[in-house]
Amino acid sequence: MSERRCGWLGFWAWAFAGGLLLFSLVTGLSIGLFVAPFALLALVLVGWRTRAWPESLGALTGFGALCLAVAFLNWGEAGGPDAAPWLVTGAVLATAGAGGYWALTPSSFPYARR
């Protein structure tokens, strides 16, 4: 069996898979039905090839990235949904995911005593 990937590469793989999953859920019965199998495949592959903790915090960052994309697509659009809740939610989720991973990874502390 191959070695599981860890580090920021695993984190970003989880972010991609999480963002894809949320995209399939948000788009629901339109394109989401076609994206869902790819999202599930991405989750299975990422779960199999990377470490689950703390790299899975990348899924939060993926959720946040999708929320930020929705906010920027609706920015200043008359009659559309308000972008502010999407913007705040996206910023909180992306920061929580990346900040949490950074805080939980020992290699994030270059001057730590060993």
PDB file of N, CA and C in Angstrom:
ATOM      1  N   MET A   1       0.841  -1.181   0.000  1.00  0.00           N
ATOM      2  CA  MET A   1       0.000   0.000   0.000  1.00  0.00           C
ATOM      3  C   MET A   1       0.881   1.238   0.000  1.00  0.00           C
ATOM      4  N   SER A   2       0.481   2.233  -0.718  1.00  0.00           N
ATOM      5  CA  SER A   2       1.294   3.440  -0.826  1.00  0.00           C
ATOM      6  C   SER A   2       1.132   4.314   0.421  1.00  0.00           C
ATOM      7  N   GLU A   3       2.100   5.177   0.594  1.00  0.00           N
ATOM      8  CA  GLU A   3       2.098   6.066   1.743  1.00  0.00           C
ATOM      9  C   GLU A   3       1.061   7.173   1.540  1.00  0.00           C
ATOM     10  N   ARG A   4       0.398   7.536   2.616  1.00  0.00           N
ATOM     11  CA  ARG A   4      -0.597   8.604   2.527  1.00  0.00           C
ATOM     12  C   ARG A   4       0.085   9.959   2.477  1.00  0.00           C
ATOM     13  N   ARG A   5      -0.457  10.839   1.661  1.00  0.00           N
ATOM     14  CA  ARG A   5       0.086  12.182   1.519  1.00  0.00           C
ATOM     15  C   ARG A   5      -0.346  13.033   2.698  1.00  0.00           C
ATOM     16  N   CYS A   6       0.567  13.866   3.145  1.00  0.00           N
ATOM     17  CA  CYS A   6       0.219  14.805   4.195  1.00  0.00           C
ATOM     18  C   CYS A   6       0.837  16.149   3.845  1.00  0.00           C
ATOM     19  N   GLY A   7       0.451  17.164   4.568  1.00  0.00           N
ATOM     20  CA  GLY A   7       0.962  18.494   4.308  1.00  0.00           C
ATOM     21  C   GLY A   7      -0.051  19.341   3.545  1.00  0.00           C
ATOM     22  N   TRP A   8       0.454  20.448   3.050  1.00  0.00           N
ATOM     23  CA  TRP A   8      -0.421  21.398   2.380  1.00  0.00           C
ATOM     24  C   TRP A   8      -1.014  20.837   1.093  1.00  0.00           C
ATOM     25  N   LEU A   9      -0.329  19.933   0.421  1.00  0.00           N
ATOM     26  CA  LEU A   9      -0.883  19.325  -0.779  1.00  0.00           C
ATOM     27  C   LEU A   9      -2.140  18.517  -0.439  1.00  0.00           C
ATOM     28  N   GLY A  10      -2.090  17.759   0.642  1.00  0.00           N
ATOM     29  CA  GLY A  10      -3.269  17.032   1.096  1.00  0.00           C
ATOM     30  C   GLY A  10      -4.385  17.970   1.519  1.00  0.00           C
ATOM     31  N   PHE A  11      -4.007  19.077   2.164  1.00  0.00           N
ATOM     32  CA  PHE A  11      -4.985  20.079   2.578  1.00  0.00           C
ATOM     33  C   PHE A  11      -5.737  20.626   1.365  1.00  0.00           C
ATOM     34  N   TRP A  12      -4.991  20.984   0.312  1.00  0.00           N
ATOM     35  CA  TRP A  12      -5.639  21.550  -0.878  1.00  0.00           C
ATOM     36  C   TRP A  12      -6.431  20.507  -1.648  1.00  0.00           C
ATOM     37  N   ALA A  13      -6.040  19.253  -1.568  1.00  0.00           N
ATOM     38  CA  ALA A  13      -6.838  18.186  -2.182  1.00  0.00           C
ATOM     39  C   ALA A  13      -8.185  18.068  -1.474  1.00  0.00           C
ATOM     40  N   TRP A  14      -8.173  18.142  -0.148  1.00  0.00           N
ATOM     41  CA  TRP A  14      -9.419  18.127   0.615  1.00  0.00           C
ATOM     42  C   TRP A  14     -10.263  19.361   0.299  1.00  0.00           C
ATOM     43  N   ALA A  15      -9.606  20.510   0.102  1.00  0.00           N
ATOM     44  CA  ALA A  15     -10.337  21.735  -0.231  1.00  0.00           C
ATOM     45  C   ALA A  15     -11.056  21.581  -1.567  1.00  0.00           C
ATOM     46  N   PHE A  16     -10.381  21.001  -2.558  1.00  0.00           N
ATOM     47  CA  PHE A  16     -11.003  20.781  -3.867  1.00  0.00           C
ATOM     48  C   PHE A  16     -12.196  19.833  -3.739  1.00  0.00           C
ATOM     49  N   ALA A  17     -12.009  18.728  -3.050  1.00  0.00           N
ATOM     50  CA  ALA A  17     -13.086  17.749  -2.908  1.00  0.00           C
ATOM     51  C   ALA A  17     -14.264  18.332  -2.126  1.00  0.00           C
ATOM     52  N   GLY A  18     -13.981  19.083  -1.068  1.00  0.00           N
ATOM     53  CA  GLY A  18     -15.057  19.698  -0.290  1.00  0.00           C
ATOM     54  C   GLY A  18     -15.814  20.747  -1.078  1.00  0.00           C
ATOM     55  N   GLY A  19     -15.087  21.559  -1.834  1.00  0.00           N
ATOM     56  CA  GLY A  19     -15.749  22.562  -2.665  1.00  0.00           C
ATOM     57  C   GLY A  19     -16.615  21.934  -3.737  1.00  0.00           C
ATOM     58  N   LEU A  20     -16.137  20.852  -4.322  1.00  0.00           N
ATOM     59  CA  LEU A  20     -16.903  20.140  -5.342  1.00  0.00           C
ATOM     60  C   LEU A  20     -18.171  19.527  -4.746  1.00  0.00           C
ATOM     61  N   LEU A  21     -18.058  18.983  -3.539  1.00  0.00           N
ATOM     62  CA  LEU A  21     -19.224  18.413  -2.878  1.00  0.00           C
ATOM     63  C   LEU A  21     -20.262  19.486  -2.568  1.00  0.00           C
ATOM     64  N   LEU A  22     -19.826  20.617  -2.025  1.00  0.00           N
ATOM     65  CA  LEU A  22     -20.774  21.683  -1.712  1.00  0.00           C
ATOM     66  C   LEU A  22     -21.392  22.246  -2.984  1.00  0.00           C
ATOM     67  N   PHE A  23     -20.608  22.335  -4.058  1.00  0.00           N
ATOM     68  CA  PHE A  23     -21.155  22.806  -5.334  1.00  0.00           C
ATOM     69  C   PHE A  23     -22.275  21.890  -5.801  1.00  0.00           C
ATOM     70  N   SER A  24     -22.081  20.586  -5.674  1.00  0.00           N
ATOM     71  CA  SER A  24     -23.130  19.656  -6.103  1.00  0.00           C
ATOM     72  C   SER A  24     -24.373  19.771  -5.227  1.00  0.00           C
ATOM     73  N   LEU A  25     -24.186  20.082  -3.945  1.00  0.00           N
ATOM     74  CA  LEU A  25     -25.339  20.237  -3.056  1.00  0.00           C
ATOM     75  C   LEU A  25     -26.069  21.553  -3.292  1.00  0.00           C
ATOM     76  N   VAL A  26     -25.313  22.629  -3.521  1.00  0.00           N
ATOM     77  CA  VAL A  26     -25.926  23.942  -3.711  1.00  0.00           C
ATOM     78  C   VAL A  26     -26.694  24.004  -5.028  1.00  0.00           C
ATOM     79  N   THR A  27     -26.150  23.397  -6.064  1.00  0.00           N
ATOM     80  CA  THR A  27     -26.822  23.440  -7.361  1.00  0.00           C
ATOM     81  C   THR A  27     -27.961  22.434  -7.463  1.00  0.00           C
ATOM     82  N   GLY A  28     -28.038  21.532  -6.517  1.00  0.00           N
ATOM     83  CA  GLY A  28     -29.190  20.649  -6.356  1.00  0.00           C
ATOM     84  C   GLY A  28     -29.614  19.872  -7.570  1.00  0.00           C
ATOM     85  N   LEU A  29     -30.846  20.098  -7.986  1.00  0.00           N
ATOM     86  CA  LEU A  29     -31.435  19.283  -9.040  1.00  0.00           C
ATOM     87  C   LEU A  29     -31.060  19.742 -10.444  1.00  0.00           C
ATOM     88  N   SER A  30     -30.263  20.786 -10.565  1.00  0.00           N
ATOM     89  CA  SER A  30     -29.849  21.186 -11.909  1.00  0.00           C
ATOM     90  C   SER A  30     -28.567  20.443 -12.279  1.00  0.00           C
ATOM     91  N   ILE A  31     -27.455  21.109 -12.241  1.00  0.00           N
ATOM     92  CA  ILE A  31     -26.188  20.476 -12.623  1.00  0.00           C
ATOM     93  C   ILE A  31     -25.614  19.637 -11.473  1.00  0.00           C
ATOM     94  N   GLY A  32     -26.117  19.838 -10.277  1.00  0.00           N
ATOM     95  CA  GLY A  32     -25.615  19.119  -9.112  1.00  0.00           C
ATOM     96  C   GLY A  32     -25.731  17.609  -9.216  1.00  0.00           C
ATOM     97  N   LEU A  33     -26.766  17.137  -9.889  1.00  0.00           N
ATOM     98  CA  LEU A  33     -26.929  15.692 -10.071  1.00  0.00           C
ATOM     99  C   LEU A  33     -25.801  15.106 -10.913  1.00  0.00           C
ATOM    100  N   PHE A  34     -25.291  15.893 -11.847  1.00  0.00           N
ATOM    101  CA  PHE A  34     -24.208  15.415 -12.700  1.00  0.00           C
ATOM    102  C   PHE A  34     -22.849  15.586 -12.047  1.00  0.00           C
ATOM    103  N   VAL A  35     -22.736  16.542 -11.138  1.00  0.00           N
ATOM    104  CA  VAL A  35     -21.467  16.805 -10.450  1.00  0.00           C
ATOM    105  C   VAL A  35     -21.293  15.881  -9.245  1.00  0.00           C
ATOM    106  N   ALA A  36     -22.389  15.436  -8.650  1.00  0.00           N
ATOM    107  CA  ALA A  36     -22.333  14.629  -7.428  1.00  0.00           C
ATOM    108  C   ALA A  36     -21.471  13.373  -7.550  1.00  0.00           C
ATOM    109  N   PRO A  37     -21.559  12.593  -8.631  1.00  0.00           N
ATOM    110  CA  PRO A  37     -20.678  11.416  -8.706  1.00  0.00           C
ATOM    111  C   PRO A  37     -19.197  11.780  -8.725  1.00  0.00           C
ATOM    112  N   PHE A  38     -18.857  12.889  -9.395  1.00  0.00           N
ATOM    113  CA  PHE A  38     -17.458  13.324  -9.418  1.00  0.00           C
ATOM    114  C   PHE A  38     -17.012  13.822  -8.043  1.00  0.00           C
ATOM    115  N   ALA A  39     -17.925  14.482  -7.328  1.00  0.00           N
ATOM    116  CA  ALA A  39     -17.606  14.951  -5.978  1.00  0.00           C
ATOM    117  C   ALA A  39     -17.382  13.765  -5.043  1.00  0.00           C
ATOM    118  N   LEU A  40     -18.227  12.762  -5.141  1.00  0.00           N
ATOM    119  CA  LEU A  40     -18.060  11.579  -4.293  1.00  0.00           C
ATOM    120  C   LEU A  40     -16.787  10.822  -4.646  1.00  0.00           C
ATOM    121  N   LEU A  41     -16.480  10.725  -5.933  1.00  0.00           N
ATOM    122  CA  LEU A  41     -15.241  10.095  -6.361  1.00  0.00           C
ATOM    123  C   LEU A  41     -14.031  10.865  -5.836  1.00  0.00           C
ATOM    124  N   ALA A  42     -14.096  12.192  -5.899  1.00  0.00           N
ATOM    125  CA  ALA A  42     -12.997  13.014  -5.379  1.00  0.00           C
ATOM    126  C   ALA A  42     -12.834  12.799  -3.880  1.00  0.00           C
ATOM    127  N   LEU A  43     -13.936  12.725  -3.146  1.00  0.00           N
ATOM    128  CA  LEU A  43     -13.854  12.493  -1.699  1.00  0.00           C
ATOM    129  C   LEU A  43     -13.250  11.129  -1.382  1.00  0.00           C
ATOM    130  N   VAL A  44     -13.656  10.104  -2.123  1.00  0.00           N
ATOM    131  CA  VAL A  44     -13.109   8.764  -1.885  1.00  0.00           C
ATOM    132  C   VAL A  44     -11.616   8.739  -2.185  1.00  0.00           C
ATOM    133  N   LEU A  45     -11.214   9.331  -3.312  1.00  0.00           N
ATOM    134  CA  LEU A  45      -9.800   9.341  -3.676  1.00  0.00           C
ATOM    135  C   LEU A  45      -8.955  10.136  -2.694  1.00  0.00           C
ATOM    136  N   VAL A  46      -9.465  11.281  -2.294  1.00  0.00           N
ATOM    137  CA  VAL A  46      -8.718  12.105  -1.334  1.00  0.00           C
ATOM    138  C   VAL A  46      -8.646  11.410   0.017  1.00  0.00           C
ATOM    139  N   GLY A  47      -9.746  10.801   0.434  1.00  0.00           N
ATOM    140  CA  GLY A  47      -9.735  10.068   1.694  1.00  0.00           C
ATOM    141  C   GLY A  47      -8.805   8.873   1.686  1.00  0.00           C
ATOM    142  N   TRP A  48      -8.641   8.265   0.530  1.00  0.00           N
ATOM    143  CA  TRP A  48      -7.776   7.094   0.403  1.00  0.00           C
ATOM    144  C   TRP A  48      -6.311   7.483   0.282  1.00  0.00           C
ATOM    145  N   ARG A  49      -6.027   8.594  -0.393  1.00  0.00           N
ATOM    146  CA  ARG A  49      -4.649   8.961  -0.682  1.00  0.00           C
ATOM    147  C   ARG A  49      -4.030   9.944   0.308  1.00  0.00           C
ATOM    148  N   THR A  50      -4.834  10.609   1.115  1.00  0.00           N
ATOM    149  CA  THR A  50      -4.285  11.591   2.056  1.00  0.00           C
ATOM    150  C   THR A  50      -4.663  11.237   3.480  1.00  0.00           C
ATOM    151  N   ARG A  51      -4.005  11.894   4.395  1.00  0.00           N
ATOM    152  CA  ARG A  51      -4.296  11.723   5.810  1.00  0.00           C
ATOM    153  C   ARG A  51      -5.606  12.443   6.125  1.00  0.00           C
ATOM    154  N   ALA A  52      -6.401  11.864   7.012  1.00  0.00           N
ATOM    155  CA  ALA A  52      -7.706  12.453   7.310  1.00  0.00           C
ATOM    156  C   ALA A  52      -7.606  13.672   8.229  1.00  0.00           C
ATOM    157  N   TRP A  53      -6.725  13.628   9.187  1.00  0.00           N
ATOM    158  CA  TRP A  53      -6.652  14.742  10.141  1.00  0.00           C
ATOM    159  C   TRP A  53      -5.228  15.239  10.239  1.00  0.00           C
ATOM    160  N   PRO A  54      -4.968  16.472  10.219  1.00  0.00           N
ATOM    161  CA  PRO A  54      -5.841  17.638  10.125  1.00  0.00           C
ATOM    162  C   PRO A  54      -6.068  18.125   8.692  1.00  0.00           C
ATOM    163  N   GLU A  55      -5.612  17.364   7.678  1.00  0.00           N
ATOM    164  CA  GLU A  55      -5.759  17.810   6.296  1.00  0.00           C
ATOM    165  C   GLU A  55      -7.213  17.974   5.875  1.00  0.00           C
ATOM    166  N   SER A  56      -8.123  17.243   6.504  1.00  0.00           N
ATOM    167  CA  SER A  56      -9.538  17.348   6.132  1.00  0.00           C
ATOM    168  C   SER A  56     -10.130  18.714   6.478  1.00  0.00           C
ATOM    169  N   LEU A  57      -9.415  19.512   7.258  1.00  0.00           N
ATOM    170  CA  LEU A  57      -9.865  20.887   7.477  1.00  0.00           C
ATOM    171  C   LEU A  57      -9.886  21.672   6.171  1.00  0.00           C
ATOM    172  N   GLY A  58      -9.196  21.157   5.162  1.00  0.00           N
ATOM    173  CA  GLY A  58      -9.245  21.788   3.850  1.00  0.00           C
ATOM    174  C   GLY A  58     -10.644  21.818   3.272  1.00  0.00           C
ATOM    175  N   ALA A  59     -11.493  20.879   3.661  1.00  0.00           N
ATOM    176  CA  ALA A  59     -12.876  20.882   3.180  1.00  0.00           C
ATOM    177  C   ALA A  59     -13.580  22.167   3.594  1.00  0.00           C
ATOM    178  N   LEU A  60     -13.286  22.663   4.800  1.00  0.00           N
ATOM    179  CA  LEU A  60     -13.856  23.947   5.226  1.00  0.00           C
ATOM    180  C   LEU A  60     -13.412  25.073   4.308  1.00  0.00           C
ATOM    181  N   THR A  61     -12.147  25.043   3.927  1.00  0.00           N
ATOM    182  CA  THR A  61     -11.641  26.067   3.017  1.00  0.00           C
ATOM    183  C   THR A  61     -12.304  25.945   1.652  1.00  0.00           C
ATOM    184  N   GLY A  62     -12.549  24.720   1.201  1.00  0.00           N
ATOM    185  CA  GLY A  62     -13.279  24.520  -0.056  1.00  0.00           C
ATOM    186  C   GLY A  62     -14.703  25.047   0.020  1.00  0.00           C
ATOM    187  N   PHE A  63     -15.365  24.806   1.153  1.00  0.00           N
ATOM    188  CA  PHE A  63     -16.711  25.352   1.351  1.00  0.00           C
ATOM    189  C   PHE A  63     -16.661  26.881   1.309  1.00  0.00           C
ATOM    190  N   GLY A  64     -15.666  27.442   1.999  1.00  0.00           N
ATOM    191  CA  GLY A  64     -15.520  28.896   2.033  1.00  0.00           C
ATOM    192  C   GLY A  64     -15.242  29.474   0.662  1.00  0.00           C
ATOM    193  N   ALA A  65     -14.428  28.796  -0.138  1.00  0.00           N
ATOM    194  CA  ALA A  65     -14.122  29.280  -1.486  1.00  0.00           C
ATOM    195  C   ALA A  65     -15.383  29.322  -2.350  1.00  0.00           C
ATOM    196  N   LEU A  66     -16.225  28.312  -2.214  1.00  0.00           N
ATOM    197  CA  LEU A  66     -17.461  28.312  -2.988  1.00  0.00           C
ATOM    198  C   LEU A  66     -18.393  29.430  -2.532  1.00  0.00           C
ATOM    199  N   CYS A  67     -18.482  29.647  -1.230  1.00  0.00           N
ATOM    200  CA  CYS A  67     -19.306  30.747  -0.716  1.00  0.00           C
ATOM    201  C   CYS A  67     -18.780  32.098  -1.201  1.00  0.00           C
ATOM    202  N   LEU A  68     -17.465  32.260  -1.233  1.00  0.00           N
ATOM    203  CA  LEU A  68     -16.874  33.506  -1.741  1.00  0.00           C
ATOM    204  C   LEU A  68     -17.165  33.675  -3.231  1.00  0.00           C
ATOM    205  N   ALA A  69     -17.140  32.585  -3.986  1.00  0.00           N
ATOM    206  CA  ALA A  69     -17.460  32.669  -5.415  1.00  0.00           C
ATOM    207  C   ALA A  69     -18.910  33.114  -5.623  1.00  0.00           C
ATOM    208  N   VAL A  70     -19.831  32.571  -4.828  1.00  0.00           N
ATOM    209  CA  VAL A  70     -21.238  32.983  -4.924  1.00  0.00           C
ATOM    210  C   VAL A  70     -21.372  34.458  -4.565  1.00  0.00           C
ATOM    211  N   ALA A  71     -20.661  34.908  -3.540  1.00  0.00           N
ATOM    212  CA  ALA A  71     -20.731  36.309  -3.127  1.00  0.00           C
ATOM    213  C   ALA A  71     -20.229  37.231  -4.238  1.00  0.00           C
ATOM    214  N   PHE A  72     -19.112  36.879  -4.859  1.00  0.00           N
ATOM    215  CA  PHE A  72     -18.563  37.751  -5.888  1.00  0.00           C
ATOM    216  C   PHE A  72     -19.389  37.721  -7.172  1.00  0.00           C
ATOM    217  N   LEU A  73     -20.044  36.588  -7.463  1.00  0.00           N
ATOM    218  CA  LEU A  73     -20.919  36.530  -8.633  1.00  0.00           C
ATOM    219  C   LEU A  73     -22.179  37.372  -8.440  1.00  0.00           C
ATOM    220  N   ASN A  74     -22.626  37.542  -7.195  1.00  0.00           N
ATOM    221  CA  ASN A  74     -23.838  38.304  -6.909  1.00  0.00           C
ATOM    222  C   ASN A  74     -23.554  39.731  -6.440  1.00  0.00           C
ATOM    223  N   TRP A  75     -22.300  40.129  -6.462  1.00  0.00           N
ATOM    224  CA  TRP A  75     -21.920  41.454  -5.960  1.00  0.00           C
ATOM    225  C   TRP A  75     -22.530  42.543  -6.850  1.00  0.00           C
ATOM    226  N   GLY A  76     -23.332  43.430  -6.261  1.00  0.00           N
ATOM    227  CA  GLY A  76     -23.900  44.567  -6.974  1.00  0.00           C
ATOM    228  C   GLY A  76     -24.989  44.216  -7.963  1.00  0.00           C
ATOM    229  N   GLU A  77     -25.505  43.022  -7.931  1.00  0.00           N
ATOM    230  CA  GLU A  77     -26.544  42.617  -8.854  1.00  0.00           C
ATOM    231  C   GLU A  77     -27.901  43.010  -8.292  1.00  0.00           C
ATOM    232  N   ALA A  78     -28.635  43.791  -9.056  1.00  0.00           N
ATOM    233  CA  ALA A  78     -29.943  44.254  -8.596  1.00  0.00           C
ATOM    234  C   ALA A  78     -30.946  43.100  -8.661  1.00  0.00           C
ATOM    235  N   GLY A  79     -31.705  42.929  -7.598  1.00  0.00           N
ATOM    236  CA  GLY A  79     -32.728  41.901  -7.559  1.00  0.00           C
ATOM    237  C   GLY A  79     -32.206  40.517  -7.244  1.00  0.00           C
ATOM    238  N   GLY A  80     -30.912  40.363  -7.117  1.00  0.00           N
ATOM    239  CA  GLY A  80     -30.325  39.064  -6.805  1.00  0.00           C
ATOM    240  C   GLY A  80     -30.186  38.884  -5.310  1.00  0.00           C
ATOM    241  N   PRO A  81     -29.701  37.745  -4.902  1.00  0.00           N
ATOM    242  CA  PRO A  81     -29.495  37.527  -3.468  1.00  0.00           C
ATOM    243  C   PRO A  81     -28.408  38.452  -2.929  1.00  0.00           C
ATOM    244  N   ASP A  82     -28.543  38.791  -1.673  1.00  0.00           N
ATOM    245  CA  ASP A  82     -27.567  39.658  -1.024  1.00  0.00           C
ATOM    246  C   ASP A  82     -26.232  38.931  -0.917  1.00  0.00           C
ATOM    247  N   ALA A  83     -25.171  39.606  -1.287  1.00  0.00           N
ATOM    248  CA  ALA A  83     -23.845  38.982  -1.295  1.00  0.00           C
ATOM    249  C   ALA A  83     -23.189  38.983   0.085  1.00  0.00           C
ATOM    250  N   ALA A  84     -23.626  39.847   0.981  1.00  0.00           N
ATOM    251  CA  ALA A  84     -22.949  39.993   2.277  1.00  0.00           C
ATOM    252  C   ALA A  84     -22.944  38.705   3.111  1.00  0.00           C
ATOM    253  N   PRO A  85     -24.063  37.994   3.264  1.00  0.00           N
ATOM    254  CA  PRO A  85     -24.002  36.757   4.060  1.00  0.00           C
ATOM    255  C   PRO A  85     -23.068  35.707   3.447  1.00  0.00           C
ATOM    256  N   TRP A  86     -23.070  35.613   2.121  1.00  0.00           N
ATOM    257  CA  TRP A  86     -22.170  34.672   1.454  1.00  0.00           C
ATOM    258  C   TRP A  86     -20.722  35.074   1.662  1.00  0.00           C
ATOM    259  N   LEU A  87     -20.456  36.373   1.620  1.00  0.00           N
ATOM    260  CA  LEU A  87     -19.098  36.870   1.799  1.00  0.00           C
ATOM    261  C   LEU A  87     -18.580  36.589   3.209  1.00  0.00           C
ATOM    262  N   VAL A  88     -19.389  36.881   4.194  1.00  0.00           N
ATOM    263  CA  VAL A  88     -18.982  36.660   5.585  1.00  0.00           C
ATOM    264  C   VAL A  88     -18.812  35.164   5.866  1.00  0.00           C
ATOM    265  N   THR A  89     -19.771  34.360   5.414  1.00  0.00           N
ATOM    266  CA  THR A  89     -19.683  32.911   5.630  1.00  0.00           C
ATOM    267  C   THR A  89     -18.454  32.334   4.945  1.00  0.00           C
ATOM    268  N   GLY A  90     -18.202  32.762   3.715  1.00  0.00           N
ATOM    269  CA  GLY A  90     -17.041  32.275   2.985  1.00  0.00           C
ATOM    270  C   GLY A  90     -15.726  32.665   3.647  1.00  0.00           C
ATOM    271  N   ALA A  91     -15.644  33.904   4.104  1.00  0.00           N
ATOM    272  CA  ALA A  91     -14.421  34.351   4.763  1.00  0.00           C
ATOM    273  C   ALA A  91     -14.184  33.594   6.067  1.00  0.00           C
ATOM    274  N   VAL A  92     -15.238  33.372   6.840  1.00  0.00           N
ATOM    275  CA  VAL A  92     -15.104  32.650   8.112  1.00  0.00           C
ATOM    276  C   VAL A  92     -14.693  31.196   7.870  1.00  0.00           C
ATOM    277  N   LEU A  93     -15.348  30.532   6.920  1.00  0.00           N
ATOM    278  CA  LEU A  93     -15.027  29.125   6.655  1.00  0.00           C
ATOM    279  C   LEU A  93     -13.615  28.958   6.095  1.00  0.00           C
ATOM    280  N   ALA A  94     -13.242  29.804   5.146  1.00  0.00           N
ATOM    281  CA  ALA A  94     -11.903  29.694   4.552  1.00  0.00           C
ATOM    282  C   ALA A  94     -10.822  29.979   5.582  1.00  0.00           C
ATOM    283  N   THR A  95     -11.038  30.985   6.400  1.00  0.00           N
ATOM    284  CA  THR A  95     -10.063  31.317   7.432  1.00  0.00           C
ATOM    285  C   THR A  95      -9.997  30.243   8.507  1.00  0.00           C
ATOM    286  N   ALA A  96     -11.151  29.710   8.901  1.00  0.00           N
ATOM    287  CA  ALA A  96     -11.167  28.658   9.917  1.00  0.00           C
ATOM    288  C   ALA A  96     -10.446  27.408   9.428  1.00  0.00           C
ATOM    289  N   GLY A  97     -10.672  27.037   8.176  1.00  0.00           N
ATOM    290  CA  GLY A  97     -10.017  25.853   7.643  1.00  0.00           C
ATOM    291  C   GLY A  97      -8.508  26.020   7.539  1.00  0.00           C
ATOM    292  N   ALA A  98      -8.069  27.092   6.889  1.00  0.00           N
ATOM    293  CA  ALA A  98      -6.629  27.309   6.700  1.00  0.00           C
ATOM    294  C   ALA A  98      -5.935  27.632   8.019  1.00  0.00           C
ATOM    295  N   GLY A  99      -6.564  28.459   8.833  1.00  0.00           N
ATOM    296  CA  GLY A  99      -5.971  28.800  10.131  1.00  0.00           C
ATOM    297  C   GLY A  99      -5.922  27.620  11.077  1.00  0.00           C
ATOM    298  N   GLY A 100      -6.967  26.820  11.074  1.00  0.00           N
ATOM    299  CA  GLY A 100      -6.972  25.634  11.917  1.00  0.00           C
ATOM    300  C   GLY A 100      -5.912  24.639  11.498  1.00  0.00           C
ATOM    301  N   TYR A 101      -5.757  24.452  10.196  1.00  0.00           N
ATOM    302  CA  TYR A 101      -4.722  23.531   9.722  1.00  0.00           C
ATOM    303  C   TYR A 101      -3.334  24.069  10.068  1.00  0.00           C
ATOM    304  N   TRP A 102      -3.133  25.342   9.851  1.00  0.00           N
ATOM    305  CA  TRP A 102      -1.840  25.944  10.170  1.00  0.00           C
ATOM    306  C   TRP A 102      -1.521  25.786  11.662  1.00  0.00           C
ATOM    307  N   ALA A 103      -2.530  25.990  12.510  1.00  0.00           N
ATOM    308  CA  ALA A 103      -2.313  25.897  13.957  1.00  0.00           C
ATOM    309  C   ALA A 103      -2.049  24.464  14.416  1.00  0.00           C
ATOM    310  N   LEU A 104      -2.606  23.492  13.725  1.00  0.00           N
ATOM    311  CA  LEU A 104      -2.471  22.094  14.143  1.00  0.00           C
ATOM    312  C   LEU A 104      -1.288  21.371  13.509  1.00  0.00           C
ATOM    313  N   THR A 105      -0.599  22.022  12.598  1.00  0.00           N
ATOM    314  CA  THR A 105       0.522  21.380  11.906  1.00  0.00           C
ATOM    315  C   THR A 105       1.829  21.792  12.565  1.00  0.00           C
ATOM    316  N   PRO A 106       2.587  20.838  13.090  1.00  0.00           N
ATOM    317  CA  PRO A 106       3.844  21.180  13.754  1.00  0.00           C
ATOM    318  C   PRO A 106       4.855  21.853  12.824  1.00  0.00           C
ATOM    319  N   SER A 107       4.843  21.528  11.535  1.00  0.00           N
ATOM    320  CA  SER A 107       5.804  22.150  10.626  1.00  0.00           C
ATOM    321  C   SER A 107       5.473  23.609  10.365  1.00  0.00           C
ATOM    322  N   SER A 108       4.325  24.086  10.845  1.00  0.00           N
ATOM    323  CA  SER A 108       3.972  25.486  10.688  1.00  0.00           C
ATOM    324  C   SER A 108       4.753  26.379  11.637  1.00  0.00           C
ATOM    325  N   PHE A 109       5.434  25.774  12.587  1.00  0.00           N
ATOM    326  CA  PHE A 109       6.181  26.537  13.567  1.00  0.00           C
ATOM    327  C   PHE A 109       7.673  26.350  13.304  1.00  0.00           C
ATOM    328  N   PRO A 110       8.271  27.173  12.448  1.00  0.00           N
ATOM    329  CA  PRO A 110       9.666  26.931  12.064  1.00  0.00           C
ATOM    330  C   PRO A 110      10.651  27.129  13.202  1.00  0.00           C
ATOM    331  N   TYR A 111      10.297  27.887  14.203  1.00  0.00           N
ATOM    332  CA  TYR A 111      11.232  28.151  15.287  1.00  0.00           C
ATOM    333  C   TYR A 111      10.903  27.380  16.561  1.00  0.00           C
ATOM    334  N   ALA A 112      10.031  26.379  16.432  1.00  0.00           N
ATOM    335  CA  ALA A 112       9.660  25.596  17.601  1.00  0.00           C
ATOM    336  C   ALA A 112      10.823  24.700  18.028  1.00  0.00           C
ATOM    337  N   ARG A 113      10.930  24.482  19.311  1.00  0.00           N
ATOM    338  CA  ARG A 113      11.976  23.598  19.821  1.00  0.00           C
ATOM    339  C   ARG A 113      11.617  22.164  19.476  1.00  0.00           C
ATOM    340  N   ARG A 114      12.615  21.395  19.154  1.00  0.00           N
ATOM    341  CA  ARG A 114      12.368  19.994  18.804  1.00  0.00           C
ATOM    342  C   ARG A 114      12.993  19.095  19.824  1.00  0.00           C
TER     343      ARG A 114
END
